[in-house]
Amino acid sequence: MAATRTPTSKDVANLAGVSQTTVSYVLNGKGNISAKTVRKVERAIAELNYQPHLGARALKGQKTSVLGLIVQLDESTVAADALPYIDAIVRTARRNDYDVVLSTQSGQVEDIQRLAHHGICDGLILMDIKRKDPRVALAAELSIPVILMGRTDGIATVDSVDINTYDAGRLAVEAAAPNHQVVIGVGEGGQRLAEFRFISDFYEGMETAAKEYGLDYHPVQLTNTRFESLSRELSPWIAQAHERMTAFIVRAPEMVSDLLTVLRTSGLKVGQEVSVIGYCTDMVATQFEPPLANIAPALEHLANVVVEQLLRRVNKGTLPVSTTLVQPRELVIRSSLKRDDPTSSSASYESDAE
């Protein structure tokens, strides 16, 4: 069976009995077109299910009401980490009457050039920004505005928005300080630690706060998240946790389940003899047993800042380059955190019975 041909503006014009120029005027709201003619064109559009070509509209200087979101999803990516950010961006764009085209290929220079040069979107959002990212130099030269979700180590040449993970690390240690002697920071190591500021900033925030509170701090930075590796690397700290009250602060939520299993098999009662604090969304935190005390990235606020700043660029053009750090949400206390007095802190307290 032959594929159905996509209708064109010429088909609309033929069905409505008008010229293609008239169809264009009706679509663009231009020209002195009678109400009768407008209705004829609209009926033809509806009958043919005609969709104007966004690229063609862009070539005529019109906005497409589409934003491009470029996300690098490959074998090294934890999809569960990326999805909440993608979802928040899409929902925020829709509230601003924009759709989102998602590119999940390599996220490299070619993807950016393709989306920008085909004229299918008004601006681009780049995720997974590395300390040294070759895409940023290209982004500064494009004809459409670009905003980064993340920061490089260089001088900012395009707008960027990031979660303040340094403060997130500090907040996690502050939560542990009243009732713990030792803090173990659990998260990624190796190439990801070297490449991404949001990971190293979290560790630095933990280390700084631990010094301020006089706590012993030890980072456990893993190059893989397999159970055997986690168990082996944590074994010295789990052994001493039987003698000294220890809090494990987990930056990567995909490690939490195995950590809880390791602690239980070691005979430690989470929330009583040892604590676990996560950096993750509330939805993820409440899936564990016991439910996880957590500090969450402020995803909705982050998405609002990203989309609104990009649309300011789309609508106003030249603006000073800006870098914005979005503060994480406050600690939510759940039963994985040992607390002598849950009411003594300004943090939120969530009952596990809810």
C-alpha atoms as a PDB file:
ATOM      1  CA  MET A   1       0.000   0.000   0.000  1.00  0.00           C
ATOM      2  CA  ALA A   2       1.389   3.384  -0.986  1.00  0.00           C
ATOM      3  CA  ALA A   3       2.162   5.805   1.826  1.00  0.00           C
ATOM      4  CA  THR A   4      -0.296   8.674   2.258  1.00  0.00           C
ATOM      5  CA  ARG A   5       1.148  11.903   0.859  1.00  0.00           C
ATOM      6  CA  THR A   6       1.503  14.780   3.314  1.00  0.00           C
ATOM      7  CA  PRO A   7      -0.788  17.649   2.249  1.00  0.00           C
ATOM      8  CA  THR A   8       0.815  20.931   1.189  1.00  0.00           C
ATOM      9  CA  SER A   9      -0.307  24.544   1.156  1.00  0.00           C
ATOM     10  CA  LYS A  10      -0.931  24.097  -2.589  1.00  0.00           C
ATOM     11  CA  ASP A  11      -3.431  21.324  -1.779  1.00  0.00           C
ATOM     12  CA  VAL A  12      -5.164  23.638   0.686  1.00  0.00           C
ATOM     13  CA  ALA A  13      -5.303  26.391  -1.931  1.00  0.00           C
ATOM     14  CA  ASN A  14      -6.769  24.050  -4.573  1.00  0.00           C
ATOM     15  CA  LEU A  15      -9.424  22.698  -2.217  1.00  0.00           C
ATOM     16  CA  ALA A  16     -10.386  26.170  -0.985  1.00  0.00           C
ATOM     17  CA  GLY A  17     -10.318  27.655  -4.482  1.00  0.00           C
ATOM     18  CA  VAL A  18      -7.823  30.374  -3.580  1.00  0.00           C
ATOM     19  CA  SER A  19      -4.156  31.132  -4.267  1.00  0.00           C
ATOM     20  CA  GLN A  20      -1.254  29.845  -2.164  1.00  0.00           C
ATOM     21  CA  THR A  21      -0.533  33.452  -1.232  1.00  0.00           C
ATOM     22  CA  THR A  22      -4.010  33.715   0.268  1.00  0.00           C
ATOM     23  CA  VAL A  23      -3.438  30.521   2.265  1.00  0.00           C
ATOM     24  CA  SER A  24      -0.169  31.988   3.547  1.00  0.00           C
ATOM     25  CA  TYR A  25      -1.916  35.213   4.553  1.00  0.00           C
ATOM     26  CA  VAL A  26      -4.578  33.287   6.462  1.00  0.00           C
ATOM     27  CA  LEU A  27      -1.980  31.164   8.272  1.00  0.00           C
ATOM     28  CA  ASN A  28       0.119  34.177   9.210  1.00  0.00           C
ATOM     29  CA  GLY A  29      -2.758  36.511  10.072  1.00  0.00           C
ATOM     30  CA  LYS A  30      -1.642  39.006   7.449  1.00  0.00           C
ATOM     31  CA  GLY A  31      -3.324  40.759   4.550  1.00  0.00           C
ATOM     32  CA  ASN A  32      -6.867  42.028   4.115  1.00  0.00           C
ATOM     33  CA  ILE A  33      -8.648  38.679   3.730  1.00  0.00           C
ATOM     34  CA  SER A  34     -12.442  38.494   3.974  1.00  0.00           C
ATOM     35  CA  ALA A  35     -14.066  36.417   6.705  1.00  0.00           C
ATOM     36  CA  LYS A  36     -15.690  34.223   4.041  1.00  0.00           C
ATOM     37  CA  THR A  37     -12.312  33.396   2.474  1.00  0.00           C
ATOM     38  CA  VAL A  38     -10.744  32.731   5.869  1.00  0.00           C
ATOM     39  CA  ARG A  39     -13.503  30.214   6.645  1.00  0.00           C
ATOM     40  CA  LYS A  40     -12.961  28.465   3.288  1.00  0.00           C
ATOM     41  CA  VAL A  41      -9.237  28.134   3.956  1.00  0.00           C
ATOM     42  CA  GLU A  42      -9.808  26.932   7.527  1.00  0.00           C
ATOM     43  CA  ARG A  43     -12.270  24.279   6.322  1.00  0.00           C
ATOM     44  CA  ALA A  44      -9.743  23.065   3.746  1.00  0.00           C
ATOM     45  CA  ILE A  45      -6.988  22.925   6.385  1.00  0.00           C
ATOM     46  CA  ALA A  46      -9.212  20.887   8.702  1.00  0.00           C
ATOM     47  CA  GLU A  47     -10.341  18.526   5.930  1.00  0.00           C
ATOM     48  CA  LEU A  48      -6.778  17.842   4.789  1.00  0.00           C
ATOM     49  CA  ASN A  49      -5.331  17.835   8.323  1.00  0.00           C
ATOM     50  CA  TYR A  50      -2.686  20.219   7.011  1.00  0.00           C
ATOM     51  CA  GLN A  51       0.202  21.170   9.324  1.00  0.00           C
ATOM     52  CA  PRO A  52       2.340  24.208   8.384  1.00  0.00           C
ATOM     53  CA  HIS A  53       6.052  23.373   8.041  1.00  0.00           C
ATOM     54  CA  LEU A  54       7.893  24.878  10.993  1.00  0.00           C
ATOM     55  CA  GLY A  55      11.141  25.245   9.093  1.00  0.00           C
ATOM     56  CA  ALA A  56       9.431  27.181   6.322  1.00  0.00           C
ATOM     57  CA  ARG A  57       7.836  29.479   8.858  1.00  0.00           C
ATOM     58  CA  ALA A  58      11.226  30.069  10.483  1.00  0.00           C
ATOM     59  CA  LEU A  59      12.744  31.018   7.124  1.00  0.00           C
ATOM     60  CA  LYS A  60      10.102  33.725   6.861  1.00  0.00           C
ATOM     61  CA  GLY A  61      11.206  35.150  10.198  1.00  0.00           C
ATOM     62  CA  GLN A  62       8.367  33.701  12.256  1.00  0.00           C
ATOM     63  CA  LYS A  63       8.690  31.885  15.565  1.00  0.00           C
ATOM     64  CA  THR A  64       8.061  28.152  15.621  1.00  0.00           C
ATOM     65  CA  SER A  65       6.946  27.953  19.284  1.00  0.00           C
ATOM     66  CA  VAL A  66       9.295  24.980  19.644  1.00  0.00           C
ATOM     67  CA  LEU A  67      12.380  24.598  21.851  1.00  0.00           C
ATOM     68  CA  GLY A  68      15.078  21.997  21.260  1.00  0.00           C
ATOM     69  CA  LEU A  69      16.302  19.949  24.238  1.00  0.00           C
ATOM     70  CA  ILE A  70      19.552  18.075  23.624  1.00  0.00           C
ATOM     71  CA  VAL A  71      20.237  15.270  26.096  1.00  0.00           C
ATOM     72  CA  GLN A  72      23.123  12.837  25.875  1.00  0.00           C
ATOM     73  CA  LEU A  73      21.731   9.362  26.573  1.00  0.00           C
ATOM     74  CA  ASP A  74      24.310   6.619  26.104  1.00  0.00           C
ATOM     75  CA  GLU A  75      25.665   3.607  27.970  1.00  0.00           C
ATOM     76  CA  SER A  76      27.189   5.865  30.651  1.00  0.00           C
ATOM     77  CA  THR A  77      23.941   7.718  31.322  1.00  0.00           C
ATOM     78  CA  VAL A  78      21.623   6.910  34.206  1.00  0.00           C
ATOM     79  CA  ALA A  79      18.272   7.530  32.521  1.00  0.00           C
ATOM     80  CA  ALA A  80      16.417   7.698  35.839  1.00  0.00           C
ATOM     81  CA  ASP A  81      18.542  10.726  36.763  1.00  0.00           C
ATOM     82  CA  ALA A  82      17.843  12.568  33.507  1.00  0.00           C
ATOM     83  CA  LEU A  83      14.096  11.933  33.189  1.00  0.00           C
ATOM     84  CA  PRO A  84      12.906  14.239  36.022  1.00  0.00           C
ATOM     85  CA  TYR A  85      14.843  17.133  34.454  1.00  0.00           C
ATOM     86  CA  ILE A  86      13.430  16.405  30.997  1.00  0.00           C
ATOM     87  CA  ASP A  87       9.901  16.158  32.379  1.00  0.00           C
ATOM     88  CA  ALA A  88      10.210  19.470  34.255  1.00  0.00           C
ATOM     89  CA  ILE A  89      11.484  21.270  31.139  1.00  0.00           C
ATOM     90  CA  VAL A  90       8.692  19.883  28.936  1.00  0.00           C
ATOM     91  CA  ARG A  91       5.958  20.822  31.425  1.00  0.00           C
ATOM     92  CA  THR A  92       7.357  24.330  31.894  1.00  0.00           C
ATOM     93  CA  ALA A  93       7.605  24.860  28.146  1.00  0.00           C
ATOM     94  CA  ARG A  94       3.976  23.807  27.707  1.00  0.00           C
ATOM     95  CA  ARG A  95       2.885  26.343  30.322  1.00  0.00           C
ATOM     96  CA  ASN A  96       4.561  28.940  28.114  1.00  0.00           C
ATOM     97  CA  ASP A  97       2.760  27.625  24.993  1.00  0.00           C
ATOM     98  CA  TYR A  98       5.912  25.971  23.643  1.00  0.00           C
ATOM     99  CA  ASP A  99       6.529  22.414  22.520  1.00  0.00           C
ATOM    100  CA  VAL A 100       9.848  20.614  22.978  1.00  0.00           C
ATOM    101  CA  VAL A 101      11.813  18.618  20.406  1.00  0.00           C
ATOM    102  CA  LEU A 102      13.965  16.103  22.271  1.00  0.00           C
ATOM    103  CA  SER A 103      17.271  14.959  20.778  1.00  0.00           C
ATOM    104  CA  THR A 104      18.739  11.969  22.615  1.00  0.00           C
ATOM    105  CA  GLN A 105      21.472  10.954  20.206  1.00  0.00           C
ATOM    106  CA  SER A 106      25.111  11.673  20.951  1.00  0.00           C
ATOM    107  CA  GLY A 107      24.365  15.227  22.047  1.00  0.00           C
ATOM    108  CA  GLN A 108      27.388  16.339  20.048  1.00  0.00           C
ATOM    109  CA  VAL A 109      28.110  19.301  17.800  1.00  0.00           C
ATOM    110  CA  GLU A 110      26.355  17.736  14.790  1.00  0.00           C
ATOM    111  CA  ASP A 111      23.042  17.482  16.667  1.00  0.00           C
ATOM    112  CA  ILE A 112      23.175  21.139  17.642  1.00  0.00           C
ATOM    113  CA  GLN A 113      23.988  22.249  14.107  1.00  0.00           C
ATOM    114  CA  ARG A 114      21.172  20.137  12.665  1.00  0.00           C
ATOM    115  CA  LEU A 115      18.502  21.534  14.991  1.00  0.00           C
ATOM    116  CA  ALA A 116      19.709  25.110  14.633  1.00  0.00           C
ATOM    117  CA  HIS A 117      20.178  25.148  10.857  1.00  0.00           C
ATOM    118  CA  HIS A 118      16.938  23.355   9.964  1.00  0.00           C
ATOM    119  CA  GLY A 119      14.953  26.150  11.569  1.00  0.00           C
ATOM    120  CA  ILE A 120      12.632  23.876  13.510  1.00  0.00           C
ATOM    121  CA  CYS A 121      13.047  25.558  16.903  1.00  0.00           C
ATOM    122  CA  ASP A 122      13.424  29.037  18.376  1.00  0.00           C
ATOM    123  CA  GLY A 123      16.120  28.138  20.908  1.00  0.00           C
ATOM    124  CA  LEU A 124      18.129  25.235  22.320  1.00  0.00           C
ATOM    125  CA  ILE A 125      18.632  23.819  25.816  1.00  0.00           C
ATOM    126  CA  LEU A 126      21.797  21.755  26.287  1.00  0.00           C
ATOM    127  CA  MET A 127      21.977  19.266  29.163  1.00  0.00           C
ATOM    128  CA  ASP A 128      24.928  17.206  30.428  1.00  0.00           C
ATOM    129  CA  ILE A 129      27.387  20.103  30.273  1.00  0.00           C
ATOM    130  CA  LYS A 130      30.949  19.051  31.002  1.00  0.00           C
ATOM    131  CA  ARG A 131      33.804  21.066  32.483  1.00  0.00           C
ATOM    132  CA  LYS A 132      35.438  21.229  29.053  1.00  0.00           C
ATOM    133  CA  ASP A 133      32.588  21.018  26.562  1.00  0.00           C
ATOM    134  CA  PRO A 134      33.244  21.565  22.827  1.00  0.00           C
ATOM    135  CA  ARG A 135      29.561  22.321  22.220  1.00  0.00           C
ATOM    136  CA  VAL A 136      29.673  25.602  24.133  1.00  0.00           C
ATOM    137  CA  ALA A 137      31.909  27.424  21.653  1.00  0.00           C
ATOM    138  CA  LEU A 138      29.537  26.441  18.843  1.00  0.00           C
ATOM    139  CA  ALA A 139      26.497  27.480  20.890  1.00  0.00           C
ATOM    140  CA  ALA A 140      27.851  31.004  21.217  1.00  0.00           C
ATOM    141  CA  GLU A 141      28.036  31.330  17.418  1.00  0.00           C
ATOM    142  CA  LEU A 142      24.581  30.031  16.484  1.00  0.00           C
ATOM    143  CA  SER A 143      21.866  32.231  15.034  1.00  0.00           C
ATOM    144  CA  ILE A 144      19.359  31.063  17.654  1.00  0.00           C
ATOM    145  CA  PRO A 145      19.765  31.441  21.443  1.00  0.00           C
ATOM    146  CA  VAL A 146      21.149  28.605  23.562  1.00  0.00           C
ATOM    147  CA  ILE A 147      21.091  27.999  27.310  1.00  0.00           C
ATOM    148  CA  LEU A 148      23.146  25.454  29.250  1.00  0.00           C
ATOM    149  CA  MET A 149      21.874  23.252  32.069  1.00  0.00           C
ATOM    150  CA  GLY A 150      25.207  22.980  33.819  1.00  0.00           C
ATOM    151  CA  ARG A 151      28.499  24.881  33.891  1.00  0.00           C
ATOM    152  CA  THR A 152      31.911  24.624  32.302  1.00  0.00           C
ATOM    153  CA  ASP A 153      35.201  25.655  33.898  1.00  0.00           C
ATOM    154  CA  GLY A 154      35.691  28.435  31.358  1.00  0.00           C
ATOM    155  CA  ILE A 155      34.416  31.986  31.080  1.00  0.00           C
ATOM    156  CA  ALA A 156      30.677  32.008  30.373  1.00  0.00           C
ATOM    157  CA  THR A 157      29.889  32.860  26.747  1.00  0.00           C
ATOM    158  CA  VAL A 158      26.237  31.717  26.807  1.00  0.00           C
ATOM    159  CA  ASP A 159      23.607  31.658  29.540  1.00  0.00           C
ATOM    160  CA  SER A 160      23.799  28.792  32.021  1.00  0.00           C
ATOM    161  CA  VAL A 161      21.615  27.544  34.860  1.00  0.00           C
ATOM    162  CA  ASP A 162      22.650  24.903  37.373  1.00  0.00           C
ATOM    163  CA  ILE A 163      21.610  23.418  40.705  1.00  0.00           C
ATOM    164  CA  ASN A 164      23.849  24.563  43.556  1.00  0.00           C
ATOM    165  CA  THR A 165      25.057  21.079  44.437  1.00  0.00           C
ATOM    166  CA  TYR A 166      27.791  22.524  46.687  1.00  0.00           C
ATOM    167  CA  ASP A 167      25.059  23.764  49.019  1.00  0.00           C
ATOM    168  CA  ALA A 168      23.196  20.464  48.622  1.00  0.00           C
ATOM    169  CA  GLY A 169      26.263  18.642  49.956  1.00  0.00           C
ATOM    170  CA  ARG A 170      26.551  21.107  52.828  1.00  0.00           C
ATOM    171  CA  LEU A 171      22.886  20.702  53.756  1.00  0.00           C
ATOM    172  CA  ALA A 172      23.221  16.923  53.864  1.00  0.00           C
ATOM    173  CA  VAL A 173      26.152  17.104  56.292  1.00  0.00           C
ATOM    174  CA  GLU A 174      24.368  19.704  58.423  1.00  0.00           C
ATOM    175  CA  ALA A 175      21.477  17.254  58.768  1.00  0.00           C
ATOM    176  CA  ALA A 176      23.857  14.569  60.024  1.00  0.00           C
ATOM    177  CA  ALA A 177      25.942  16.783  62.314  1.00  0.00           C
ATOM    178  CA  PRO A 178      23.865  16.711  65.538  1.00  0.00           C
ATOM    179  CA  ASN A 179      23.856  12.921  65.982  1.00  0.00           C
ATOM    180  CA  HIS A 180      26.796  11.548  64.008  1.00  0.00           C
ATOM    181  CA  GLN A 181      30.571  11.384  64.284  1.00  0.00           C
ATOM    182  CA  VAL A 182      31.418  10.151  60.794  1.00  0.00           C
ATOM    183  CA  VAL A 183      30.116  11.122  57.347  1.00  0.00           C
ATOM    184  CA  ILE A 184      30.709   8.878  54.320  1.00  0.00           C
ATOM    185  CA  GLY A 185      30.031  10.533  50.959  1.00  0.00           C
ATOM    186  CA  VAL A 186      28.947   7.888  48.442  1.00  0.00           C
ATOM    187  CA  GLY A 187      28.784   8.648  44.734  1.00  0.00           C
ATOM    188  CA  GLU A 188      30.425   8.496  41.338  1.00  0.00           C
ATOM    189  CA  GLY A 189      34.151   8.584  40.778  1.00  0.00           C
ATOM    190  CA  GLY A 190      36.394   8.138  37.779  1.00  0.00           C
ATOM    191  CA  GLN A 191      35.544   9.861  34.514  1.00  0.00           C
ATOM    192  CA  ARG A 192      32.153  11.242  35.591  1.00  0.00           C
ATOM    193  CA  LEU A 193      33.683  12.915  38.639  1.00  0.00           C
ATOM    194  CA  ALA A 194      36.388  14.448  36.463  1.00  0.00           C
ATOM    195  CA  GLU A 195      33.955  15.656  33.786  1.00  0.00           C
ATOM    196  CA  PHE A 196      30.999  17.143  35.668  1.00  0.00           C
ATOM    197  CA  ARG A 197      31.076  20.059  38.093  1.00  0.00           C
ATOM    198  CA  PHE A 198      27.773  19.152  39.741  1.00  0.00           C
ATOM    199  CA  ILE A 199      29.356  15.946  41.068  1.00  0.00           C
ATOM    200  CA  SER A 200      32.616  17.421  42.364  1.00  0.00           C
ATOM    201  CA  ASP A 201      30.771  20.428  43.840  1.00  0.00           C
ATOM    202  CA  PHE A 202      28.602  18.074  45.906  1.00  0.00           C
ATOM    203  CA  TYR A 203      31.676  16.351  47.355  1.00  0.00           C
ATOM    204  CA  GLU A 204      33.321  19.708  48.079  1.00  0.00           C
ATOM    205  CA  GLY A 205      30.227  20.946  49.893  1.00  0.00           C
ATOM    206  CA  MET A 206      30.188  17.834  52.077  1.00  0.00           C
ATOM    207  CA  GLU A 207      33.885  18.121  52.890  1.00  0.00           C
ATOM    208  CA  THR A 208      33.657  21.807  53.818  1.00  0.00           C
ATOM    209  CA  ALA A 209      30.653  21.293  56.096  1.00  0.00           C
ATOM    210  CA  ALA A 210      32.219  18.241  57.758  1.00  0.00           C
ATOM    211  CA  LYS A 211      35.283  20.316  58.689  1.00  0.00           C
ATOM    212  CA  GLU A 212      33.099  23.074  60.097  1.00  0.00           C
ATOM    213  CA  TYR A 213      31.176  20.618  62.278  1.00  0.00           C
ATOM    214  CA  GLY A 214      34.233  18.627  63.335  1.00  0.00           C
ATOM    215  CA  LEU A 215      33.090  15.395  61.690  1.00  0.00           C
ATOM    216  CA  ASP A 216      35.287  12.718  60.157  1.00  0.00           C
ATOM    217  CA  TYR A 217      34.573  12.780  56.419  1.00  0.00           C
ATOM    218  CA  HIS A 218      35.518  10.122  53.889  1.00  0.00           C
ATOM    219  CA  PRO A 219      34.439  10.116  50.217  1.00  0.00           C
ATOM    220  CA  VAL A 220      33.768   6.753  48.571  1.00  0.00           C
ATOM    221  CA  GLN A 221      33.861   7.449  44.837  1.00  0.00           C
ATOM    222  CA  LEU A 222      32.856   4.456  42.749  1.00  0.00           C
ATOM    223  CA  THR A 223      33.645   3.810  39.101  1.00  0.00           C
ATOM    224  CA  ASN A 224      30.794   1.296  38.863  1.00  0.00           C
ATOM    225  CA  THR A 225      27.622   0.777  40.884  1.00  0.00           C
ATOM    226  CA  ARG A 226      27.511  -3.022  41.001  1.00  0.00           C
ATOM    227  CA  PHE A 227      26.628  -4.510  44.372  1.00  0.00           C
ATOM    228  CA  GLU A 228      29.965  -6.292  44.771  1.00  0.00           C
ATOM    229  CA  SER A 229      31.929  -3.089  44.153  1.00  0.00           C
ATOM    230  CA  LEU A 230      29.775  -1.069  46.532  1.00  0.00           C
ATOM    231  CA  SER A 231      30.044  -3.700  49.258  1.00  0.00           C
ATOM    232  CA  ARG A 232      33.818  -3.987  48.889  1.00  0.00           C
ATOM    233  CA  GLU A 233      34.529  -0.244  48.899  1.00  0.00           C
ATOM    234  CA  LEU A 234      32.246   0.458  51.846  1.00  0.00           C
ATOM    235  CA  SER A 235      33.291  -2.488  54.024  1.00  0.00           C
ATOM    236  CA  PRO A 236      35.889  -0.565  56.144  1.00  0.00           C
ATOM    237  CA  TRP A 237      33.380   2.174  56.952  1.00  0.00           C
ATOM    238  CA  ILE A 238      30.552  -0.247  57.655  1.00  0.00           C
ATOM    239  CA  ALA A 239      32.801  -2.122  60.093  1.00  0.00           C
ATOM    240  CA  GLN A 240      33.560   1.017  62.092  1.00  0.00           C
ATOM    241  CA  ALA A 241      29.904   2.132  61.929  1.00  0.00           C
ATOM    242  CA  HIS A 242      29.192  -0.457  64.641  1.00  0.00           C
ATOM    243  CA  GLU A 243      31.362   1.636  66.986  1.00  0.00           C
ATOM    244  CA  ARG A 244      30.879   5.241  65.785  1.00  0.00           C
ATOM    245  CA  MET A 245      27.579   6.760  64.671  1.00  0.00           C
ATOM    246  CA  THR A 246      27.894   7.116  60.899  1.00  0.00           C
ATOM    247  CA  ALA A 247      25.819   8.828  58.218  1.00  0.00           C
ATOM    248  CA  PHE A 248      26.090   7.688  54.607  1.00  0.00           C
ATOM    249  CA  ILE A 249      25.243  10.522  52.204  1.00  0.00           C
ATOM    250  CA  VAL A 250      24.454   9.228  48.719  1.00  0.00           C
ATOM    251  CA  ARG A 251      24.760  11.533  45.714  1.00  0.00           C
ATOM    252  CA  ALA A 252      23.713   8.951  43.134  1.00  0.00           C
ATOM    253  CA  PRO A 253      20.236   7.506  43.847  1.00  0.00           C
ATOM    254  CA  GLU A 254      20.918   4.346  41.817  1.00  0.00           C
ATOM    255  CA  MET A 255      23.316   3.301  44.609  1.00  0.00           C
ATOM    256  CA  VAL A 256      20.825   3.607  47.470  1.00  0.00           C
ATOM    257  CA  SER A 257      19.108   0.224  47.183  1.00  0.00           C
ATOM    258  CA  ASP A 258      22.372  -1.722  47.260  1.00  0.00           C
ATOM    259  CA  LEU A 259      23.693   0.434  50.110  1.00  0.00           C
ATOM    260  CA  LEU A 260      20.608  -0.321  52.217  1.00  0.00           C
ATOM    261  CA  THR A 261      21.048  -4.032  51.492  1.00  0.00           C
ATOM    262  CA  VAL A 262      24.726  -3.942  52.491  1.00  0.00           C
ATOM    263  CA  LEU A 263      23.904  -2.148  55.739  1.00  0.00           C
ATOM    264  CA  ARG A 264      21.121  -4.583  56.628  1.00  0.00           C
ATOM    265  CA  THR A 265      23.251  -7.660  55.913  1.00  0.00           C
ATOM    266  CA  SER A 266      25.921  -6.137  58.163  1.00  0.00           C
ATOM    267  CA  GLY A 267      23.435  -6.096  61.038  1.00  0.00           C
ATOM    268  CA  LEU A 268      22.967  -2.306  61.117  1.00  0.00           C
ATOM    269  CA  LYS A 269      19.483  -0.853  61.583  1.00  0.00           C
ATOM    270  CA  VAL A 270      19.060   2.108  59.242  1.00  0.00           C
ATOM    271  CA  GLY A 271      17.647   5.125  61.061  1.00  0.00           C
ATOM    272  CA  GLN A 272      18.658   3.764  64.466  1.00  0.00           C
ATOM    273  CA  GLU A 273      22.266   2.540  64.368  1.00  0.00           C
ATOM    274  CA  VAL A 274      23.266   4.193  61.095  1.00  0.00           C
ATOM    275  CA  SER A 275      21.762   6.898  58.869  1.00  0.00           C
ATOM    276  CA  VAL A 276      21.349   7.290  55.113  1.00  0.00           C
ATOM    277  CA  ILE A 277      20.637  10.638  53.429  1.00  0.00           C
ATOM    278  CA  GLY A 278      20.012  10.914  49.694  1.00  0.00           C
ATOM    279  CA  TYR A 279      20.290  13.623  47.066  1.00  0.00           C
ATOM    280  CA  CYS A 280      17.277  12.756  44.940  1.00  0.00           C
ATOM    281  CA  THR A 281      13.662  13.661  44.249  1.00  0.00           C
ATOM    282  CA  ASP A 282      10.977  12.987  46.858  1.00  0.00           C
ATOM    283  CA  MET A 283       9.374  10.420  44.563  1.00  0.00           C
ATOM    284  CA  VAL A 284      12.608   8.407  44.474  1.00  0.00           C
ATOM    285  CA  ALA A 285      13.244   8.845  48.215  1.00  0.00           C
ATOM    286  CA  THR A 286       9.886   7.382  49.215  1.00  0.00           C
ATOM    287  CA  GLN A 287      10.370   4.223  47.146  1.00  0.00           C
ATOM    288  CA  PHE A 288      12.962   2.820  49.556  1.00  0.00           C
ATOM    289  CA  GLU A 289      12.491   0.944  52.810  1.00  0.00           C
ATOM    290  CA  PRO A 290      12.972   2.700  55.079  1.00  0.00           C
ATOM    291  CA  PRO A 291      11.936   5.882  53.251  1.00  0.00           C
ATOM    292  CA  LEU A 292      14.971   8.049  52.617  1.00  0.00           C
ATOM    293  CA  ALA A 293      15.685  11.391  54.235  1.00  0.00           C
ATOM    294  CA  ASN A 294      16.616  13.539  51.262  1.00  0.00           C
ATOM    295  CA  ILE A 295      17.616  16.852  49.798  1.00  0.00           C
ATOM    296  CA  ALA A 296      15.952  17.289  46.430  1.00  0.00           C
ATOM    297  CA  PRO A 297      17.014  19.362  43.432  1.00  0.00           C
ATOM    298  CA  ALA A 298      14.451  22.126  42.890  1.00  0.00           C
ATOM    299  CA  LEU A 299      13.465  20.829  39.457  1.00  0.00           C
ATOM    300  CA  GLU A 300      10.412  23.026  38.864  1.00  0.00           C
ATOM    301  CA  HIS A 301      12.309  26.178  39.793  1.00  0.00           C
ATOM    302  CA  LEU A 302      15.264  25.102  37.669  1.00  0.00           C
ATOM    303  CA  ALA A 303      12.997  24.468  34.674  1.00  0.00           C
ATOM    304  CA  ASN A 304      11.263  27.826  35.128  1.00  0.00           C
ATOM    305  CA  VAL A 305      14.570  29.691  35.165  1.00  0.00           C
ATOM    306  CA  VAL A 306      15.891  27.795  32.119  1.00  0.00           C
ATOM    307  CA  VAL A 307      12.795  28.219  29.949  1.00  0.00           C
ATOM    308  CA  GLU A 308      12.030  31.812  30.952  1.00  0.00           C
ATOM    309  CA  GLN A 309      15.623  32.953  30.382  1.00  0.00           C
ATOM    310  CA  LEU A 310      15.717  31.240  26.985  1.00  0.00           C
ATOM    311  CA  LEU A 311      12.413  32.834  25.959  1.00  0.00           C
ATOM    312  CA  ARG A 312      13.724  36.247  27.010  1.00  0.00           C
ATOM    313  CA  ARG A 313      16.558  35.663  24.558  1.00  0.00           C
ATOM    314  CA  VAL A 314      14.109  34.527  21.880  1.00  0.00           C
ATOM    315  CA  ASN A 315      11.904  37.588  22.309  1.00  0.00           C
ATOM    316  CA  LYS A 316      14.429  40.312  23.133  1.00  0.00           C
ATOM    317  CA  GLY A 317      17.641  39.208  21.451  1.00  0.00           C
ATOM    318  CA  THR A 318      20.793  40.760  22.907  1.00  0.00           C
ATOM    319  CA  LEU A 319      21.071  40.486  26.700  1.00  0.00           C
ATOM    320  CA  PRO A 320      24.059  40.209  29.073  1.00  0.00           C
ATOM    321  CA  VAL A 321      25.280  36.629  29.536  1.00  0.00           C
ATOM    322  CA  SER A 322      24.012  35.245  32.848  1.00  0.00           C
ATOM    323  CA  THR A 323      24.903  32.329  35.124  1.00  0.00           C
ATOM    324  CA  THR A 324      22.233  31.318  37.637  1.00  0.00           C
ATOM    325  CA  LEU A 325      22.585  28.870  40.521  1.00  0.00           C
ATOM    326  CA  VAL A 326      19.296  27.414  41.762  1.00  0.00           C
ATOM    327  CA  GLN A 327      19.230  26.445  45.423  1.00  0.00           C
ATOM    328  CA  PRO A 328      18.288  22.869  46.341  1.00  0.00           C
ATOM    329  CA  ARG A 329      15.213  22.238  48.438  1.00  0.00           C
ATOM    330  CA  GLU A 330      15.540  21.880  52.193  1.00  0.00           C
ATOM    331  CA  LEU A 331      16.061  18.529  53.860  1.00  0.00           C
ATOM    332  CA  VAL A 332      12.993  16.323  54.228  1.00  0.00           C
ATOM    333  CA  ILE A 333      13.366  14.122  57.308  1.00  0.00           C
ATOM    334  CA  ARG A 334      12.278  10.510  56.987  1.00  0.00           C
ATOM    335  CA  SER A 335      13.021   7.389  58.995  1.00  0.00           C
ATOM    336  CA  SER A 336      16.421   6.635  57.413  1.00  0.00           C
ATOM    337  CA  LEU A 337      17.894   9.508  59.468  1.00  0.00           C
ATOM    338  CA  LYS A 338      18.566   9.102  63.193  1.00  0.00           C
ATOM    339  CA  ARG A 339      17.134  12.113  65.026  1.00  0.00           C
ATOM    340  CA  ASP A 340      16.997  12.559  68.796  1.00  0.00           C
ATOM    341  CA  ASP A 341      14.633  15.527  68.419  1.00  0.00           C
ATOM    342  CA  PRO A 342      12.916  15.816  65.018  1.00  0.00           C
ATOM    343  CA  THR A 343      11.455  19.231  65.932  1.00  0.00           C
ATOM    344  CA  SER A 344      14.800  20.880  66.674  1.00  0.00           C
ATOM    345  CA  SER A 345      15.577  21.667  63.017  1.00  0.00           C
ATOM    346  CA  SER A 346      14.009  23.929  60.402  1.00  0.00           C
ATOM    347  CA  ALA A 347      13.964  20.982  57.988  1.00  0.00           C
ATOM    348  CA  SER A 348      10.687  19.450  56.869  1.00  0.00           C
ATOM    349  CA  TYR A 349       9.565  16.325  58.686  1.00  0.00           C
ATOM    350  CA  GLU A 350       7.536  13.720  56.830  1.00  0.00           C
ATOM    351  CA  SER A 351       5.841  10.951  58.723  1.00  0.00           C
ATOM    352  CA  ASP A 352       6.324   7.498  57.223  1.00  0.00           C
ATOM    353  CA  ALA A 353       2.727   6.719  58.147  1.00  0.00           C
ATOM    354  CA  GLU A 354       1.369   9.112  55.498  1.00  0.00           C
END
